[in-house]
Amino acid sequence: MSIHLVGGGWTEAGSESAFAPFVVDAAARAEAVGYGGRPRIAVIVVRDGDGIEHAARLIAEASHGGEFDERVTVLVENYPADPAILDDVDGILVGGGLTPAYHASLTPLFERIRELVGDGVPYLGFSAGAMIAAERAILGGWRIGGVAVAPEETSEELDEVTVVPGIGLVDLSIDVHAAQWGTLGRLVAAAAAGIADGGVAIDESTSLVVGGQDGARVVGTGNVWRVLPTGDGSATVSAIAAPPTA
């Protein structure tokens, strides 16, 4: 199985490398189950107003990794998803937007996603899709105990930092747009306060790939910031950079 956690962001060059390993894994899955065509990838977007455009952008980015047949589902915020949209797929790609809305709409899919990933179907979460992949998912918020820990504009329409049960694909809490939006501070503060058990904050155009033959690795153009609580009300931070490309 493989789980691809992309920190969001659109760039003129480089972002496609964060998606490419996912498409390769989906193609390998299709071949392994004897499907003769291009890999079938469920593209799931939860947005009001621009869902089709967002799905098209995700598909364009992923297409750099190879050809595939997209099965697009666009849901308005808080509309529950039907698990049938995951039937006969070789990959699952969940987009970005308002993280609490993704969590609310995709909750009916959580068990099915876990089953499919356990059976070898790769998952890619982009921004919000990465955040809800965690066992303990950060939904947003910008304050802890009334004290600011991240820019207010990153709050996801929540005041206090909120952590809830997520899909459960990884045991680390995830934050995204780390260097670009200043969300690393939210994860550090959540770990120090005991709200989260540590985790990773992922830069834009960067993916943390978990599972597969190579174990955990970073691809893309930025860093993955690992945050670990120390148990004394503080936390440590270390950076893992993607290896340079030739």
C-alpha atoms as a PDB file:
ATOM      1  CA  MET A   1       0.000   0.000   0.000  1.00  0.00           C
ATOM      2  CA  SER A   2       1.089   3.615  -0.408  1.00  0.00           C
ATOM      3  CA  ILE A   3      -0.189   6.889   1.016  1.00  0.00           C
ATOM      4  CA  HIS A   4       0.796  10.184  -0.609  1.00  0.00           C
ATOM      5  CA  LEU A   5       0.318  13.340   1.470  1.00  0.00           C
ATOM      6  CA  VAL A   6       0.734  16.526  -0.576  1.00  0.00           C
ATOM      7  CA  GLY A   7       1.055  19.873   1.186  1.00  0.00           C
ATOM      8  CA  GLY A   8      -1.037  21.707  -1.413  1.00  0.00           C
ATOM      9  CA  GLY A   9      -0.066  24.594  -3.613  1.00  0.00           C
ATOM     10  CA  TRP A  10       0.144  25.214  -7.338  1.00  0.00           C
ATOM     11  CA  THR A  11       3.394  26.129  -9.023  1.00  0.00           C
ATOM     12  CA  GLU A  12       4.553  26.623 -12.585  1.00  0.00           C
ATOM     13  CA  ALA A  13       7.105  23.832 -12.222  1.00  0.00           C
ATOM     14  CA  GLY A  14       7.899  21.153  -9.700  1.00  0.00           C
ATOM     15  CA  SER A  15       4.482  20.381  -8.238  1.00  0.00           C
ATOM     16  CA  GLU A  16       3.919  17.537 -10.672  1.00  0.00           C
ATOM     17  CA  SER A  17       6.753  15.582  -9.056  1.00  0.00           C
ATOM     18  CA  ALA A  18       4.687  15.449  -5.850  1.00  0.00           C
ATOM     19  CA  PHE A  19       1.880  13.638  -7.728  1.00  0.00           C
ATOM     20  CA  ALA A  20       3.863  11.384 -10.048  1.00  0.00           C
ATOM     21  CA  PRO A  21       4.655   8.509  -7.645  1.00  0.00           C
ATOM     22  CA  PHE A  22       0.943   8.173  -6.848  1.00  0.00           C
ATOM     23  CA  VAL A  23      -0.006   7.658 -10.495  1.00  0.00           C
ATOM     24  CA  VAL A  24       2.829   5.150 -10.902  1.00  0.00           C
ATOM     25  CA  ASP A  25       1.528   3.233  -7.883  1.00  0.00           C
ATOM     26  CA  ALA A  26      -2.037   3.309  -9.256  1.00  0.00           C
ATOM     27  CA  ALA A  27      -0.805   1.853 -12.545  1.00  0.00           C
ATOM     28  CA  ALA A  28       1.041  -0.880 -10.663  1.00  0.00           C
ATOM     29  CA  ARG A  29      -2.125  -1.663  -8.735  1.00  0.00           C
ATOM     30  CA  ALA A  30      -4.152  -1.934 -11.951  1.00  0.00           C
ATOM     31  CA  GLU A  31      -1.589  -4.319 -13.392  1.00  0.00           C
ATOM     32  CA  ALA A  32      -1.478  -6.391 -10.203  1.00  0.00           C
ATOM     33  CA  VAL A  33      -5.236  -7.027 -10.248  1.00  0.00           C
ATOM     34  CA  GLY A  34      -5.206  -7.872 -13.940  1.00  0.00           C
ATOM     35  CA  TYR A  35      -7.009  -4.785 -15.193  1.00  0.00           C
ATOM     36  CA  GLY A  36      -5.963  -4.301 -18.784  1.00  0.00           C
ATOM     37  CA  GLY A  37      -6.596  -0.581 -19.199  1.00  0.00           C
ATOM     38  CA  ARG A  38      -5.258   2.642 -17.771  1.00  0.00           C
ATOM     39  CA  PRO A  39      -5.521   2.930 -13.970  1.00  0.00           C
ATOM     40  CA  ARG A  40      -8.904   4.119 -12.733  1.00  0.00           C
ATOM     41  CA  ILE A  41      -8.531   6.940 -10.219  1.00  0.00           C
ATOM     42  CA  ALA A  42     -11.354   8.350  -8.109  1.00  0.00           C
ATOM     43  CA  VAL A  43     -10.918  12.132  -7.889  1.00  0.00           C
ATOM     44  CA  ILE A  44     -13.013  13.490  -5.011  1.00  0.00           C
ATOM     45  CA  VAL A  45     -13.530  17.197  -4.423  1.00  0.00           C
ATOM     46  CA  VAL A  46     -15.664  18.937  -1.772  1.00  0.00           C
ATOM     47  CA  ARG A  47     -16.076  22.594  -2.699  1.00  0.00           C
ATOM     48  CA  ASP A  48     -18.784  25.146  -3.328  1.00  0.00           C
ATOM     49  CA  GLY A  49     -18.657  26.935  -6.672  1.00  0.00           C
ATOM     50  CA  ASP A  50     -15.326  25.904  -8.178  1.00  0.00           C
ATOM     51  CA  GLY A  51     -15.283  22.146  -7.654  1.00  0.00           C
ATOM     52  CA  ILE A  52     -15.044  21.229 -11.335  1.00  0.00           C
ATOM     53  CA  GLU A  53     -12.158  23.637 -11.871  1.00  0.00           C
ATOM     54  CA  HIS A  54     -10.326  22.305  -8.821  1.00  0.00           C
ATOM     55  CA  ALA A  55     -10.770  18.711  -9.979  1.00  0.00           C
ATOM     56  CA  ALA A  56      -9.433  19.634 -13.416  1.00  0.00           C
ATOM     57  CA  ARG A  57      -6.330  21.213 -11.840  1.00  0.00           C
ATOM     58  CA  LEU A  58      -5.676  18.089  -9.783  1.00  0.00           C
ATOM     59  CA  ILE A  59      -6.053  15.883 -12.849  1.00  0.00           C
ATOM     60  CA  ALA A  60      -3.663  18.077 -14.839  1.00  0.00           C
ATOM     61  CA  GLU A  61      -1.033  17.875 -12.100  1.00  0.00           C
ATOM     62  CA  ALA A  62      -1.413  14.110 -11.704  1.00  0.00           C
ATOM     63  CA  SER A  63      -1.257  13.539 -15.465  1.00  0.00           C
ATOM     64  CA  HIS A  64       2.444  14.317 -15.381  1.00  0.00           C
ATOM     65  CA  GLY A  65       2.844  10.929 -13.728  1.00  0.00           C
ATOM     66  CA  GLY A  66       1.162   9.044 -16.570  1.00  0.00           C
ATOM     67  CA  GLU A  67      -2.161   8.458 -18.229  1.00  0.00           C
ATOM     68  CA  PHE A  68      -5.193   7.383 -16.213  1.00  0.00           C
ATOM     69  CA  ASP A  69      -8.964   7.329 -16.354  1.00  0.00           C
ATOM     70  CA  GLU A  70     -10.401   9.829 -13.888  1.00  0.00           C
ATOM     71  CA  ARG A  71     -13.679   9.215 -12.084  1.00  0.00           C
ATOM     72  CA  VAL A  72     -14.598  12.629 -10.752  1.00  0.00           C
ATOM     73  CA  THR A  73     -16.985  13.281  -7.867  1.00  0.00           C
ATOM     74  CA  VAL A  74     -17.655  16.903  -6.900  1.00  0.00           C
ATOM     75  CA  LEU A  75     -19.626  17.367  -3.682  1.00  0.00           C
ATOM     76  CA  VAL A  76     -20.954  20.588  -2.236  1.00  0.00           C
ATOM     77  CA  GLU A  77     -19.721  21.255   1.267  1.00  0.00           C
ATOM     78  CA  ASN A  78     -21.133  18.936   3.946  1.00  0.00           C
ATOM     79  CA  TYR A  79     -23.005  16.750   1.423  1.00  0.00           C
ATOM     80  CA  PRO A  80     -22.249  13.098   2.351  1.00  0.00           C
ATOM     81  CA  ALA A  81     -20.364  10.969  -0.147  1.00  0.00           C
ATOM     82  CA  ASP A  82     -21.660   7.606  -1.374  1.00  0.00           C
ATOM     83  CA  PRO A  83     -19.130   4.775  -0.799  1.00  0.00           C
ATOM     84  CA  ALA A  84     -20.071   3.416  -4.245  1.00  0.00           C
ATOM     85  CA  ILE A  85     -17.884   6.095  -5.838  1.00  0.00           C
ATOM     86  CA  LEU A  86     -14.908   3.966  -4.764  1.00  0.00           C
ATOM     87  CA  ASP A  87     -16.011   0.808  -6.551  1.00  0.00           C
ATOM     88  CA  ASP A  88     -13.468  -0.650  -8.998  1.00  0.00           C
ATOM     89  CA  VAL A  89     -10.766   1.980  -8.604  1.00  0.00           C
ATOM     90  CA  ASP A  90      -6.991   1.666  -8.683  1.00  0.00           C
ATOM     91  CA  GLY A  91      -6.294   4.921  -6.830  1.00  0.00           C
ATOM     92  CA  ILE A  92      -8.024   7.515  -4.647  1.00  0.00           C
ATOM     93  CA  LEU A  93      -7.218  11.229  -4.970  1.00  0.00           C
ATOM     94  CA  VAL A  94      -8.853  13.600  -2.478  1.00  0.00           C
ATOM     95  CA  GLY A  95      -8.519  17.313  -3.158  1.00  0.00           C
ATOM     96  CA  GLY A  96      -8.241  20.477  -1.120  1.00  0.00           C
ATOM     97  CA  GLY A  97     -10.475  23.187   0.243  1.00  0.00           C
ATOM     98  CA  LEU A  98     -12.176  23.650   3.598  1.00  0.00           C
ATOM     99  CA  THR A  99     -10.901  20.797   5.763  1.00  0.00           C
ATOM    100  CA  PRO A 100     -13.948  20.537   8.085  1.00  0.00           C
ATOM    101  CA  ALA A 101     -16.170  20.230   4.993  1.00  0.00           C
ATOM    102  CA  TYR A 102     -14.054  17.412   3.573  1.00  0.00           C
ATOM    103  CA  HIS A 103     -14.153  15.643   6.919  1.00  0.00           C
ATOM    104  CA  ALA A 104     -17.945  15.934   7.157  1.00  0.00           C
ATOM    105  CA  SER A 105     -18.621  14.832   3.587  1.00  0.00           C
ATOM    106  CA  LEU A 106     -16.134  11.968   3.457  1.00  0.00           C
ATOM    107  CA  THR A 107     -16.833  10.414   6.867  1.00  0.00           C
ATOM    108  CA  PRO A 108     -19.088   7.777   5.204  1.00  0.00           C
ATOM    109  CA  LEU A 109     -16.050   6.731   3.104  1.00  0.00           C
ATOM    110  CA  PHE A 110     -13.511   6.366   5.911  1.00  0.00           C
ATOM    111  CA  GLU A 111     -13.954   2.650   6.516  1.00  0.00           C
ATOM    112  CA  ARG A 112     -14.031   1.856   2.793  1.00  0.00           C
ATOM    113  CA  ILE A 113     -10.886   3.935   2.169  1.00  0.00           C
ATOM    114  CA  ARG A 114      -9.044   2.075   4.920  1.00  0.00           C
ATOM    115  CA  GLU A 115     -10.102  -1.249   3.420  1.00  0.00           C
ATOM    116  CA  LEU A 116      -8.995  -0.301  -0.087  1.00  0.00           C
ATOM    117  CA  VAL A 117      -5.655   1.142   1.006  1.00  0.00           C
ATOM    118  CA  GLY A 118      -5.031  -1.975   3.085  1.00  0.00           C
ATOM    119  CA  ASP A 119      -5.702  -3.992  -0.065  1.00  0.00           C
ATOM    120  CA  GLY A 120      -3.115  -2.047  -2.039  1.00  0.00           C
ATOM    121  CA  VAL A 121      -5.035   0.876  -3.561  1.00  0.00           C
ATOM    122  CA  PRO A 122      -2.869   4.031  -3.269  1.00  0.00           C
ATOM    123  CA  TYR A 123      -4.295   7.178  -1.674  1.00  0.00           C
ATOM    124  CA  LEU A 124      -3.285  10.753  -2.416  1.00  0.00           C
ATOM    125  CA  GLY A 125      -4.507  13.560  -0.205  1.00  0.00           C
ATOM    126  CA  PHE A 126      -3.917  17.124  -1.406  1.00  0.00           C
ATOM    127  CA  SER A 127      -4.037  19.783   1.335  1.00  0.00           C
ATOM    128  CA  ALA A 128      -7.329  19.039   3.133  1.00  0.00           C
ATOM    129  CA  GLY A 129      -7.209  15.524   1.710  1.00  0.00           C
ATOM    130  CA  ALA A 130      -3.855  15.042   3.436  1.00  0.00           C
ATOM    131  CA  MET A 131      -5.021  16.486   6.763  1.00  0.00           C
ATOM    132  CA  ILE A 132      -8.029  14.176   7.099  1.00  0.00           C
ATOM    133  CA  ALA A 133      -5.917  11.094   6.283  1.00  0.00           C
ATOM    134  CA  ALA A 134      -4.516  11.086   9.822  1.00  0.00           C
ATOM    135  CA  GLU A 135      -5.734   8.983  12.714  1.00  0.00           C
ATOM    136  CA  ARG A 136      -6.036  12.225  14.694  1.00  0.00           C
ATOM    137  CA  ALA A 137      -6.865  14.857  12.092  1.00  0.00           C
ATOM    138  CA  ILE A 138      -6.261  18.564  12.568  1.00  0.00           C
ATOM    139  CA  LEU A 139      -9.270  20.333  11.062  1.00  0.00           C
ATOM    140  CA  GLY A 140      -8.039  23.879  11.592  1.00  0.00           C
ATOM    141  CA  GLY A 141      -8.158  26.621  14.183  1.00  0.00           C
ATOM    142  CA  TRP A 142      -5.664  29.343  14.959  1.00  0.00           C
ATOM    143  CA  ARG A 143      -5.683  29.628  18.744  1.00  0.00           C
ATOM    144  CA  ILE A 144      -5.124  27.336  21.719  1.00  0.00           C
ATOM    145  CA  GLY A 145      -6.604  28.559  24.974  1.00  0.00           C
ATOM    146  CA  GLY A 146      -7.261  31.871  23.279  1.00  0.00           C
ATOM    147  CA  VAL A 147      -3.588  32.344  22.368  1.00  0.00           C
ATOM    148  CA  ALA A 148      -2.712  32.697  18.681  1.00  0.00           C
ATOM    149  CA  VAL A 149      -0.543  29.853  17.351  1.00  0.00           C
ATOM    150  CA  ALA A 150      -1.020  30.382  13.587  1.00  0.00           C
ATOM    151  CA  PRO A 151      -2.213  33.139  11.245  1.00  0.00           C
ATOM    152  CA  GLU A 152      -5.956  33.682  11.570  1.00  0.00           C
ATOM    153  CA  GLU A 153      -6.432  33.316   7.830  1.00  0.00           C
ATOM    154  CA  THR A 154      -5.378  29.645   8.148  1.00  0.00           C
ATOM    155  CA  SER A 155      -8.159  28.899  10.641  1.00  0.00           C
ATOM    156  CA  GLU A 156     -10.448  26.902   8.286  1.00  0.00           C
ATOM    157  CA  GLU A 157     -13.317  28.883   9.869  1.00  0.00           C
ATOM    158  CA  LEU A 158     -12.482  27.487  13.326  1.00  0.00           C
ATOM    159  CA  ASP A 159     -11.275  29.437  16.348  1.00  0.00           C
ATOM    160  CA  GLU A 160      -9.621  26.895  18.656  1.00  0.00           C
ATOM    161  CA  VAL A 161      -7.330  24.284  17.133  1.00  0.00           C
ATOM    162  CA  THR A 162      -9.549  21.245  16.586  1.00  0.00           C
ATOM    163  CA  VAL A 163      -8.374  17.633  16.381  1.00  0.00           C
ATOM    164  CA  VAL A 164     -10.850  14.831  15.568  1.00  0.00           C
ATOM    165  CA  PRO A 165     -10.713  11.197  14.397  1.00  0.00           C
ATOM    166  CA  GLY A 166      -9.734  11.090  10.722  1.00  0.00           C
ATOM    167  CA  ILE A 167      -9.526   8.341   8.125  1.00  0.00           C
ATOM    168  CA  GLY A 168      -6.751   6.642  10.074  1.00  0.00           C
ATOM    169  CA  LEU A 169      -4.275   5.918   7.274  1.00  0.00           C
ATOM    170  CA  VAL A 170      -1.315   7.305   9.237  1.00  0.00           C
ATOM    171  CA  ASP A 171      -0.719   7.675  12.963  1.00  0.00           C
ATOM    172  CA  LEU A 172       0.744  11.175  12.598  1.00  0.00           C
ATOM    173  CA  SER A 173      -1.298  14.363  12.592  1.00  0.00           C
ATOM    174  CA  ILE A 174      -0.852  16.334   9.374  1.00  0.00           C
ATOM    175  CA  ASP A 175      -0.712  20.038   8.612  1.00  0.00           C
ATOM    176  CA  VAL A 176      -0.126  21.554   5.182  1.00  0.00           C
ATOM    177  CA  HIS A 177       1.069  24.720   3.400  1.00  0.00           C
ATOM    178  CA  ALA A 178       3.660  24.755   6.187  1.00  0.00           C
ATOM    179  CA  ALA A 179       6.293  27.253   5.029  1.00  0.00           C
ATOM    180  CA  GLN A 180       3.894  29.202   2.833  1.00  0.00           C
ATOM    181  CA  TRP A 181       1.047  29.787   5.313  1.00  0.00           C
ATOM    182  CA  GLY A 182       2.856  29.521   8.644  1.00  0.00           C
ATOM    183  CA  THR A 183       0.907  26.458   9.812  1.00  0.00           C
ATOM    184  CA  LEU A 184       3.957  24.756  11.301  1.00  0.00           C
ATOM    185  CA  GLY A 185       3.329  26.786  14.460  1.00  0.00           C
ATOM    186  CA  ARG A 186      -0.132  25.262  14.792  1.00  0.00           C
ATOM    187  CA  LEU A 187       1.234  21.718  14.766  1.00  0.00           C
ATOM    188  CA  VAL A 188       4.064  22.589  17.158  1.00  0.00           C
ATOM    189  CA  ALA A 189       1.635  24.217  19.602  1.00  0.00           C
ATOM    190  CA  ALA A 190      -0.838  21.328  19.314  1.00  0.00           C
ATOM    191  CA  ALA A 191       1.902  18.793  20.061  1.00  0.00           C
ATOM    192  CA  ALA A 192       3.265  20.825  22.970  1.00  0.00           C
ATOM    193  CA  ALA A 193      -0.232  21.196  24.435  1.00  0.00           C
ATOM    194  CA  GLY A 194      -0.971  17.485  24.070  1.00  0.00           C
ATOM    195  CA  ILE A 195      -3.803  18.086  21.592  1.00  0.00           C
ATOM    196  CA  ALA A 196      -1.882  16.096  18.964  1.00  0.00           C
ATOM    197  CA  ASP A 197       0.693  13.355  19.480  1.00  0.00           C
ATOM    198  CA  GLY A 198       3.109  14.994  17.102  1.00  0.00           C
ATOM    199  CA  GLY A 199       3.038  14.820  13.345  1.00  0.00           C
ATOM    200  CA  VAL A 200       4.320  16.415  10.155  1.00  0.00           C
ATOM    201  CA  ALA A 201       3.735  19.764   8.479  1.00  0.00           C
ATOM    202  CA  ILE A 202       4.208  19.567   4.711  1.00  0.00           C
ATOM    203  CA  ASP A 203       5.283  22.384   2.402  1.00  0.00           C
ATOM    204  CA  GLU A 204       3.494  23.131  -0.842  1.00  0.00           C
ATOM    205  CA  SER A 205       4.517  21.159  -3.956  1.00  0.00           C
ATOM    206  CA  THR A 206       5.866  18.486  -1.628  1.00  0.00           C
ATOM    207  CA  SER A 207       4.629  15.001  -0.807  1.00  0.00           C
ATOM    208  CA  LEU A 208       5.330  12.650   2.070  1.00  0.00           C
ATOM    209  CA  VAL A 209       4.978   9.132   0.692  1.00  0.00           C
ATOM    210  CA  VAL A 210       4.315   6.459   3.316  1.00  0.00           C
ATOM    211  CA  GLY A 211       4.428   2.753   2.582  1.00  0.00           C
ATOM    212  CA  GLY A 212       5.531   0.928  -0.509  1.00  0.00           C
ATOM    213  CA  GLN A 213       8.881  -0.741  -1.025  1.00  0.00           C
ATOM    214  CA  ASP A 214      10.906   2.355  -0.101  1.00  0.00           C
ATOM    215  CA  GLY A 215       9.206   3.072   3.234  1.00  0.00           C
ATOM    216  CA  ALA A 216       8.647   6.765   3.997  1.00  0.00           C
ATOM    217  CA  ARG A 217      10.173   9.315   1.622  1.00  0.00           C
ATOM    218  CA  VAL A 218       9.790  12.941   0.591  1.00  0.00           C
ATOM    219  CA  VAL A 219       9.329  14.040  -3.031  1.00  0.00           C
ATOM    220  CA  GLY A 220       8.774  17.465  -4.541  1.00  0.00           C
ATOM    221  CA  THR A 221      10.397  20.856  -4.040  1.00  0.00           C
ATOM    222  CA  GLY A 222       9.991  21.641  -0.331  1.00  0.00           C
ATOM    223  CA  ASN A 223      10.369  20.225   3.164  1.00  0.00           C
ATOM    224  CA  VAL A 224       8.431  18.020   5.504  1.00  0.00           C
ATOM    225  CA  TRP A 225       8.680  19.305   9.079  1.00  0.00           C
ATOM    226  CA  ARG A 226       8.570  16.580  11.727  1.00  0.00           C
ATOM    227  CA  VAL A 227       7.192  17.618  15.123  1.00  0.00           C
ATOM    228  CA  LEU A 228       7.594  15.487  18.241  1.00  0.00           C
ATOM    229  CA  PRO A 229       6.273  16.315  21.730  1.00  0.00           C
ATOM    230  CA  THR A 230       8.859  16.123  24.490  1.00  0.00           C
ATOM    231  CA  GLY A 231       6.401  15.447  27.316  1.00  0.00           C
ATOM    232  CA  ASP A 232       7.306  18.593  29.242  1.00  0.00           C
ATOM    233  CA  GLY A 233       5.008  21.026  27.456  1.00  0.00           C
ATOM    234  CA  SER A 234       7.290  21.611  24.498  1.00  0.00           C
ATOM    235  CA  ALA A 235       8.073  20.006  21.158  1.00  0.00           C
ATOM    236  CA  THR A 236      11.023  19.475  18.852  1.00  0.00           C
ATOM    237  CA  VAL A 237      11.093  20.230  15.121  1.00  0.00           C
ATOM    238  CA  SER A 238      13.284  18.778  12.388  1.00  0.00           C
ATOM    239  CA  ALA A 239      13.177  19.222   8.615  1.00  0.00           C
ATOM    240  CA  ILE A 240      13.280  16.464   6.007  1.00  0.00           C
ATOM    241  CA  ALA A 241      14.032  17.733   2.513  1.00  0.00           C
ATOM    242  CA  ALA A 242      13.291  15.971  -0.741  1.00  0.00           C
ATOM    243  CA  PRO A 243      16.458  14.670  -2.406  1.00  0.00           C
ATOM    244  CA  PRO A 244      17.657  16.884  -5.263  1.00  0.00           C
ATOM    245  CA  THR A 245      16.574  15.883  -8.738  1.00  0.00           C
ATOM    246  CA  ALA A 246      19.091  15.336 -11.502  1.00  0.00           C
END
